[in-house]
């Protein structure tokens, strides 16, 4: 898939656990895992906004386009 999700990188930078991140964003840890592993087919803008707010980052820090 040409879109790579970089949530794990941002979590590591902040030394934040998946559980803490999930709670603060309002997702289940299972749904965070789906996003992290690139299995999600879509992300709501409200969810992306919440992730950026919690991590204090830009959408481009979480999502990257990589040619196959």
PDB file of N, CA and C in Angstrom:
ATOM      1  N   UNK A   1       0.860  -1.183   0.000  1.00  0.00           N
ATOM      2  CA  UNK A   1       0.000   0.000   0.000  1.00  0.00           C
ATOM      3  C   UNK A   1       0.899   1.237   0.000  1.00  0.00           C
ATOM      4  N   UNK A   2       0.629   2.178  -0.856  1.00  0.00           N
ATOM      5  CA  UNK A   2       1.514   3.338  -0.962  1.00  0.00           C
ATOM      6  C   UNK A   2       1.405   4.348   0.176  1.00  0.00           C
ATOM      7  N   UNK A   3       0.383   4.260   1.032  1.00  0.00           N
ATOM      8  CA  UNK A   3       0.287   5.149   2.189  1.00  0.00           C
ATOM      9  C   UNK A   3       0.807   4.394   3.414  1.00  0.00           C
ATOM     10  N   UNK A   4       1.847   4.931   4.037  1.00  0.00           N
ATOM     11  CA  UNK A   4       2.447   4.312   5.220  1.00  0.00           C
ATOM     12  C   UNK A   4       2.037   5.138   6.436  1.00  0.00           C
ATOM     13  N   UNK A   5       1.562   4.450   7.462  1.00  0.00           N
ATOM     14  CA  UNK A   5       1.138   5.110   8.698  1.00  0.00           C
ATOM     15  C   UNK A   5       2.311   5.096   9.667  1.00  0.00           C
ATOM     16  N   UNK A   6       2.661   6.263  10.194  1.00  0.00           N
ATOM     17  CA  UNK A   6       3.837   6.427  11.047  1.00  0.00           C
ATOM     18  C   UNK A   6       3.468   6.718  12.512  1.00  0.00           C
ATOM     19  N   UNK A   7       2.344   6.200  12.969  1.00  0.00           N
ATOM     20  CA  UNK A   7       1.923   6.435  14.351  1.00  0.00           C
ATOM     21  C   UNK A   7       2.975   5.902  15.323  1.00  0.00           C
ATOM     22  N   UNK A   8       3.524   4.721  15.032  1.00  0.00           N
ATOM     23  CA  UNK A   8       4.495   4.119  15.943  1.00  0.00           C
ATOM     24  C   UNK A   8       5.725   5.001  16.130  1.00  0.00           C
ATOM     25  N   UNK A   9       6.152   5.685  15.070  1.00  0.00           N
ATOM     26  CA  UNK A   9       7.305   6.584  15.167  1.00  0.00           C
ATOM     27  C   UNK A   9       6.994   7.752  16.099  1.00  0.00           C
ATOM     28  N   UNK A  10       5.814   8.345  15.914  1.00  0.00           N
ATOM     29  CA  UNK A  10       5.429   9.491  16.748  1.00  0.00           C
ATOM     30  C   UNK A  10       5.216   9.081  18.205  1.00  0.00           C
ATOM     31  N   UNK A  11       4.665   7.890  18.421  1.00  0.00           N
ATOM     32  CA  UNK A  11       4.491   7.396  19.794  1.00  0.00           C
ATOM     33  C   UNK A  11       5.846   7.173  20.455  1.00  0.00           C
ATOM     34  N   UNK A  12       6.788   6.604  19.719  1.00  0.00           N
ATOM     35  CA  UNK A  12       8.127   6.358  20.263  1.00  0.00           C
ATOM     36  C   UNK A  12       8.830   7.669  20.620  1.00  0.00           C
ATOM     37  N   UNK A  13       8.682   8.676  19.778  1.00  0.00           N
ATOM     38  CA  UNK A  13       9.303   9.980  20.048  1.00  0.00           C
ATOM     39  C   UNK A  13       8.816  10.562  21.365  1.00  0.00           C
ATOM     40  N   UNK A  14       7.550  10.295  21.672  1.00  0.00           N
ATOM     41  CA  UNK A  14       6.936  10.861  22.874  1.00  0.00           C
ATOM     42  C   UNK A  14       6.913   9.882  24.039  1.00  0.00           C
ATOM     43  N   UNK A  15       7.442   8.689  23.817  1.00  0.00           N
ATOM     44  CA  UNK A  15       7.441   7.630  24.836  1.00  0.00           C
ATOM     45  C   UNK A  15       6.035   7.414  25.381  1.00  0.00           C
ATOM     46  N   UNK A  16       5.074   7.342  24.454  1.00  0.00           N
ATOM     47  CA  UNK A  16       3.670   7.161  24.812  1.00  0.00           C
ATOM     48  C   UNK A  16       3.244   5.750  24.419  1.00  0.00           C
ATOM     49  N   UNK A  17       2.520   5.091  25.301  1.00  0.00           N
ATOM     50  CA  UNK A  17       2.046   3.736  25.001  1.00  0.00           C
ATOM     51  C   UNK A  17       0.827   3.787  24.088  1.00  0.00           C
ATOM     52  N   UNK A  18       0.581   2.674  23.430  1.00  0.00           N
ATOM     53  CA  UNK A  18      -0.603   2.563  22.575  1.00  0.00           C
ATOM     54  C   UNK A  18      -1.862   2.728  23.410  1.00  0.00           C
ATOM     55  N   UNK A  19      -1.871   2.161  24.599  1.00  0.00           N
ATOM     56  CA  UNK A  19      -3.038   2.266  25.473  1.00  0.00           C
ATOM     57  C   UNK A  19      -3.345   3.700  25.859  1.00  0.00           C
ATOM     58  N   UNK A  20      -2.312   4.444  26.245  1.00  0.00           N
ATOM     59  CA  UNK A  20      -2.503   5.851  26.605  1.00  0.00           C
ATOM     60  C   UNK A  20      -2.979   6.654  25.389  1.00  0.00           C
ATOM     61  N   UNK A  21      -2.339   6.415  24.256  1.00  0.00           N
ATOM     62  CA  UNK A  21      -2.718   7.112  23.019  1.00  0.00           C
ATOM     63  C   UNK A  21      -4.169   6.818  22.660  1.00  0.00           C
ATOM     64  N   UNK A  22      -4.542   5.552  22.700  1.00  0.00           N
ATOM     65  CA  UNK A  22      -5.909   5.151  22.361  1.00  0.00           C
ATOM     66  C   UNK A  22      -6.918   5.845  23.266  1.00  0.00           C
ATOM     67  N   UNK A  23      -6.638   5.858  24.557  1.00  0.00           N
ATOM     68  CA  UNK A  23      -7.548   6.486  25.517  1.00  0.00           C
ATOM     69  C   UNK A  23      -7.694   7.983  25.245  1.00  0.00           C
ATOM     70  N   UNK A  24      -6.573   8.655  25.012  1.00  0.00           N
ATOM     71  CA  UNK A  24      -6.604  10.106  24.804  1.00  0.00           C
ATOM     72  C   UNK A  24      -7.263  10.487  23.484  1.00  0.00           C
ATOM     73  N   UNK A  25      -7.137   9.623  22.471  1.00  0.00           N
ATOM     74  CA  UNK A  25      -7.749   9.903  21.168  1.00  0.00           C
ATOM     75  C   UNK A  25      -9.221   9.498  21.158  1.00  0.00           C
ATOM     76  N   UNK A  26      -9.563   8.488  21.949  1.00  0.00           N
ATOM     77  CA  UNK A  26     -10.940   8.001  21.970  1.00  0.00           C
ATOM     78  C   UNK A  26     -11.147   6.805  21.065  1.00  0.00           C
ATOM     79  N   UNK A  27     -10.095   6.005  20.889  1.00  0.00           N
ATOM     80  CA  UNK A  27     -10.160   4.781  20.091  1.00  0.00           C
ATOM     81  C   UNK A  27      -9.874   3.590  20.996  1.00  0.00           C
ATOM     82  N   UNK A  28     -10.199   2.414  20.511  1.00  0.00           N
ATOM     83  CA  UNK A  28      -9.793   1.213  21.227  1.00  0.00           C
ATOM     84  C   UNK A  28      -8.358   0.881  20.828  1.00  0.00           C
ATOM     85  N   UNK A  29      -7.613   0.213  21.706  1.00  0.00           N
ATOM     86  CA  UNK A  29      -6.261  -0.212  21.320  1.00  0.00           C
ATOM     87  C   UNK A  29      -6.266  -1.077  20.057  1.00  0.00           C
ATOM     88  N   UNK A  30      -7.316  -1.873  19.863  1.00  0.00           N
ATOM     89  CA  UNK A  30      -7.412  -2.702  18.654  1.00  0.00           C
ATOM     90  C   UNK A  30      -7.510  -1.837  17.396  1.00  0.00           C
ATOM     91  N   UNK A  31      -8.274  -0.745  17.469  1.00  0.00           N
ATOM     92  CA  UNK A  31      -8.387   0.138  16.310  1.00  0.00           C
ATOM     93  C   UNK A  31      -7.089   0.891  16.044  1.00  0.00           C
ATOM     94  N   UNK A  32      -6.362   1.224  17.103  1.00  0.00           N
ATOM     95  CA  UNK A  32      -5.045   1.852  16.915  1.00  0.00           C
ATOM     96  C   UNK A  32      -4.121   0.859  16.210  1.00  0.00           C
ATOM     97  N   UNK A  33      -4.188  -0.411  16.604  1.00  0.00           N
ATOM     98  CA  UNK A  33      -3.365  -1.442  15.963  1.00  0.00           C
ATOM     99  C   UNK A  33      -3.700  -1.563  14.479  1.00  0.00           C
ATOM    100  N   UNK A  34      -4.978  -1.490  14.137  1.00  0.00           N
ATOM    101  CA  UNK A  34      -5.391  -1.543  12.729  1.00  0.00           C
ATOM    102  C   UNK A  34      -4.784  -0.379  11.951  1.00  0.00           C
ATOM    103  N   UNK A  35      -4.803   0.799  12.545  1.00  0.00           N
ATOM    104  CA  UNK A  35      -4.199   1.973  11.902  1.00  0.00           C
ATOM    105  C   UNK A  35      -2.685   1.801  11.780  1.00  0.00           C
ATOM    106  N   UNK A  36      -2.037   1.426  12.866  1.00  0.00           N
ATOM    107  CA  UNK A  36      -0.581   1.288  12.887  1.00  0.00           C
ATOM    108  C   UNK A  36      -0.088   0.267  11.865  1.00  0.00           C
ATOM    109  N   UNK A  37      -0.831  -0.811  11.703  1.00  0.00           N
ATOM    110  CA  UNK A  37      -0.397  -1.887  10.822  1.00  0.00           C
ATOM    111  C   UNK A  37      -0.792  -1.671   9.363  1.00  0.00           C
ATOM    112  N   UNK A  38      -1.408  -0.531   9.073  1.00  0.00           N
ATOM    113  CA  UNK A  38      -1.767  -0.221   7.691  1.00  0.00           C
ATOM    114  C   UNK A  38      -2.943  -1.006   7.157  1.00  0.00           C
ATOM    115  N   UNK A  39      -3.745  -1.576   8.033  1.00  0.00           N
ATOM    116  CA  UNK A  39      -4.898  -2.360   7.584  1.00  0.00           C
ATOM    117  C   UNK A  39      -6.163  -1.524   7.462  1.00  0.00           C
ATOM    118  N   UNK A  40      -6.117  -0.266   7.897  1.00  0.00           N
ATOM    119  CA  UNK A  40      -7.301   0.600   7.812  1.00  0.00           C
ATOM    120  C   UNK A  40      -7.530   1.008   6.364  1.00  0.00           C
ATOM    121  N   UNK A  41      -8.773   1.044   5.960  1.00  0.00           N
ATOM    122  CA  UNK A  41      -9.125   1.467   4.603  1.00  0.00           C
ATOM    123  C   UNK A  41      -9.463   2.950   4.554  1.00  0.00           C
ATOM    124  N   UNK A  42      -9.746   3.543   5.710  1.00  0.00           N
ATOM    125  CA  UNK A  42     -10.107   4.966   5.773  1.00  0.00           C
ATOM    126  C   UNK A  42      -9.853   5.478   7.178  1.00  0.00           C
ATOM    127  N   UNK A  43      -9.676   6.796   7.272  1.00  0.00           N
ATOM    128  CA  UNK A  43      -9.530   7.455   8.566  1.00  0.00           C
ATOM    129  C   UNK A  43     -10.407   8.697   8.536  1.00  0.00           C
ATOM    130  N   UNK A  44     -11.265   8.838   9.517  1.00  0.00           N
ATOM    131  CA  UNK A  44     -12.100  10.041   9.593  1.00  0.00           C
ATOM    132  C   UNK A  44     -11.224  11.243   9.913  1.00  0.00           C
ATOM    133  N   UNK A  45     -11.592  12.385   9.346  1.00  0.00           N
ATOM    134  CA  UNK A  45     -10.854  13.605   9.642  1.00  0.00           C
ATOM    135  C   UNK A  45     -10.904  13.927  11.127  1.00  0.00           C
ATOM    136  N   UNK A  46     -12.014  13.633  11.785  1.00  0.00           N
ATOM    137  CA  UNK A  46     -12.112  13.909  13.219  1.00  0.00           C
ATOM    138  C   UNK A  46     -11.119  13.044  14.004  1.00  0.00           C
ATOM    139  N   UNK A  47     -10.905  11.810  13.557  1.00  0.00           N
ATOM    140  CA  UNK A  47      -9.932  10.929  14.201  1.00  0.00           C
ATOM    141  C   UNK A  47      -8.516  11.422  13.930  1.00  0.00           C
ATOM    142  N   UNK A  48      -8.249  11.809  12.692  1.00  0.00           N
ATOM    143  CA  UNK A  48      -6.932  12.345  12.337  1.00  0.00           C
ATOM    144  C   UNK A  48      -6.641  13.612  13.136  1.00  0.00           C
ATOM    145  N   UNK A  49      -7.648  14.453  13.270  1.00  0.00           N
ATOM    146  CA  UNK A  49      -7.500  15.680  14.063  1.00  0.00           C
ATOM    147  C   UNK A  49      -7.159  15.353  15.513  1.00  0.00           C
ATOM    148  N   UNK A  50      -7.869  14.385  16.091  1.00  0.00           N
ATOM    149  CA  UNK A  50      -7.625  13.999  17.486  1.00  0.00           C
ATOM    150  C   UNK A  50      -6.218  13.420  17.654  1.00  0.00           C
ATOM    151  N   UNK A  51      -5.776  12.607  16.699  1.00  0.00           N
ATOM    152  CA  UNK A  51      -4.435  12.041  16.778  1.00  0.00           C
ATOM    153  C   UNK A  51      -3.382  13.148  16.720  1.00  0.00           C
ATOM    154  N   UNK A  52      -3.581  14.118  15.839  1.00  0.00           N
ATOM    155  CA  UNK A  52      -2.636  15.229  15.723  1.00  0.00           C
ATOM    156  C   UNK A  52      -2.634  16.092  16.985  1.00  0.00           C
ATOM    157  N   UNK A  53      -3.810  16.288  17.572  1.00  0.00           N
ATOM    158  CA  UNK A  53      -3.904  17.079  18.804  1.00  0.00           C
ATOM    159  C   UNK A  53      -3.158  16.380  19.937  1.00  0.00           C
ATOM    160  N   UNK A  54      -3.383  15.092  20.099  1.00  0.00           N
ATOM    161  CA  UNK A  54      -2.757  14.333  21.178  1.00  0.00           C
ATOM    162  C   UNK A  54      -1.233  14.275  20.996  1.00  0.00           C
ATOM    163  N   UNK A  55      -0.784  14.107  19.759  1.00  0.00           N
ATOM    164  CA  UNK A  55       0.649  13.980  19.489  1.00  0.00           C
ATOM    165  C   UNK A  55       1.320  15.317  19.178  1.00  0.00           C
ATOM    166  N   UNK A  56       0.506  16.377  19.099  1.00  0.00           N
ATOM    167  CA  UNK A  56       1.029  17.699  18.777  1.00  0.00           C
ATOM    168  C   UNK A  56       1.874  17.650  17.497  1.00  0.00           C
ATOM    169  N   UNK A  57       1.235  17.152  16.416  1.00  0.00           N
ATOM    170  CA  UNK A  57       1.946  16.997  15.153  1.00  0.00           C
ATOM    171  C   UNK A  57       1.016  17.356  13.999  1.00  0.00           C
ATOM    172  N   UNK A  58       1.529  17.263  12.795  1.00  0.00           N
ATOM    173  CA  UNK A  58       0.772  17.517  11.579  1.00  0.00           C
ATOM    174  C   UNK A  58       0.371  16.181  10.949  1.00  0.00           C
ATOM    175  N   UNK A  59      -0.703  16.171  10.128  1.00  0.00           N
ATOM    176  CA  UNK A  59      -1.102  14.924   9.470  1.00  0.00           C
ATOM    177  C   UNK A  59       0.036  14.273   8.682  1.00  0.00           C
ATOM    178  N   UNK A  60       0.883  15.089   8.080  1.00  0.00           N
ATOM    179  CA  UNK A  60       2.004  14.550   7.319  1.00  0.00           C
ATOM    180  C   UNK A  60       3.042  13.835   8.179  1.00  0.00           C
ATOM    181  N   UNK A  61       3.020  14.066   9.484  1.00  0.00           N
ATOM    182  CA  UNK A  61       3.905  13.336  10.390  1.00  0.00           C
ATOM    183  C   UNK A  61       3.387  11.913  10.616  1.00  0.00           C
ATOM    184  N   UNK A  62       2.092  11.708  10.399  1.00  0.00           N
ATOM    185  CA  UNK A  62       1.465  10.408  10.641  1.00  0.00           C
ATOM    186  C   UNK A  62       1.276   9.591   9.387  1.00  0.00           C
ATOM    187  N   UNK A  63       1.157  10.253   8.247  1.00  0.00           N
ATOM    188  CA  UNK A  63       0.884   9.574   6.984  1.00  0.00           C
ATOM    189  C   UNK A  63       1.943   9.945   5.955  1.00  0.00           C
ATOM    190  N   UNK A  64       2.436   8.958   5.229  1.00  0.00           N
ATOM    191  CA  UNK A  64       3.451   9.204   4.222  1.00  0.00           C
ATOM    192  C   UNK A  64       3.122   8.423   2.961  1.00  0.00           C
ATOM    193  N   UNK A  65       3.257   9.063   1.822  1.00  0.00           N
ATOM    194  CA  UNK A  65       3.070   8.403   0.538  1.00  0.00           C
ATOM    195  C   UNK A  65       4.407   7.847   0.075  1.00  0.00           C
ATOM    196  N   UNK A  66       4.432   6.541  -0.221  1.00  0.00           N
ATOM    197  CA  UNK A  66       5.641   5.879  -0.710  1.00  0.00           C
ATOM    198  C   UNK A  66       5.269   5.117  -1.971  1.00  0.00           C
ATOM    199  N   UNK A  67       5.966   5.410  -3.067  1.00  0.00           N
ATOM    200  CA  UNK A  67       5.675   4.700  -4.305  1.00  0.00           C
ATOM    201  C   UNK A  67       6.030   3.230  -4.163  1.00  0.00           C
ATOM    202  N   UNK A  68       5.210   2.382  -4.785  1.00  0.00           N
ATOM    203  CA  UNK A  68       5.452   0.944  -4.735  1.00  0.00           C
ATOM    204  C   UNK A  68       6.500   0.541  -5.749  1.00  0.00           C
TER     205      UNK A  68
END
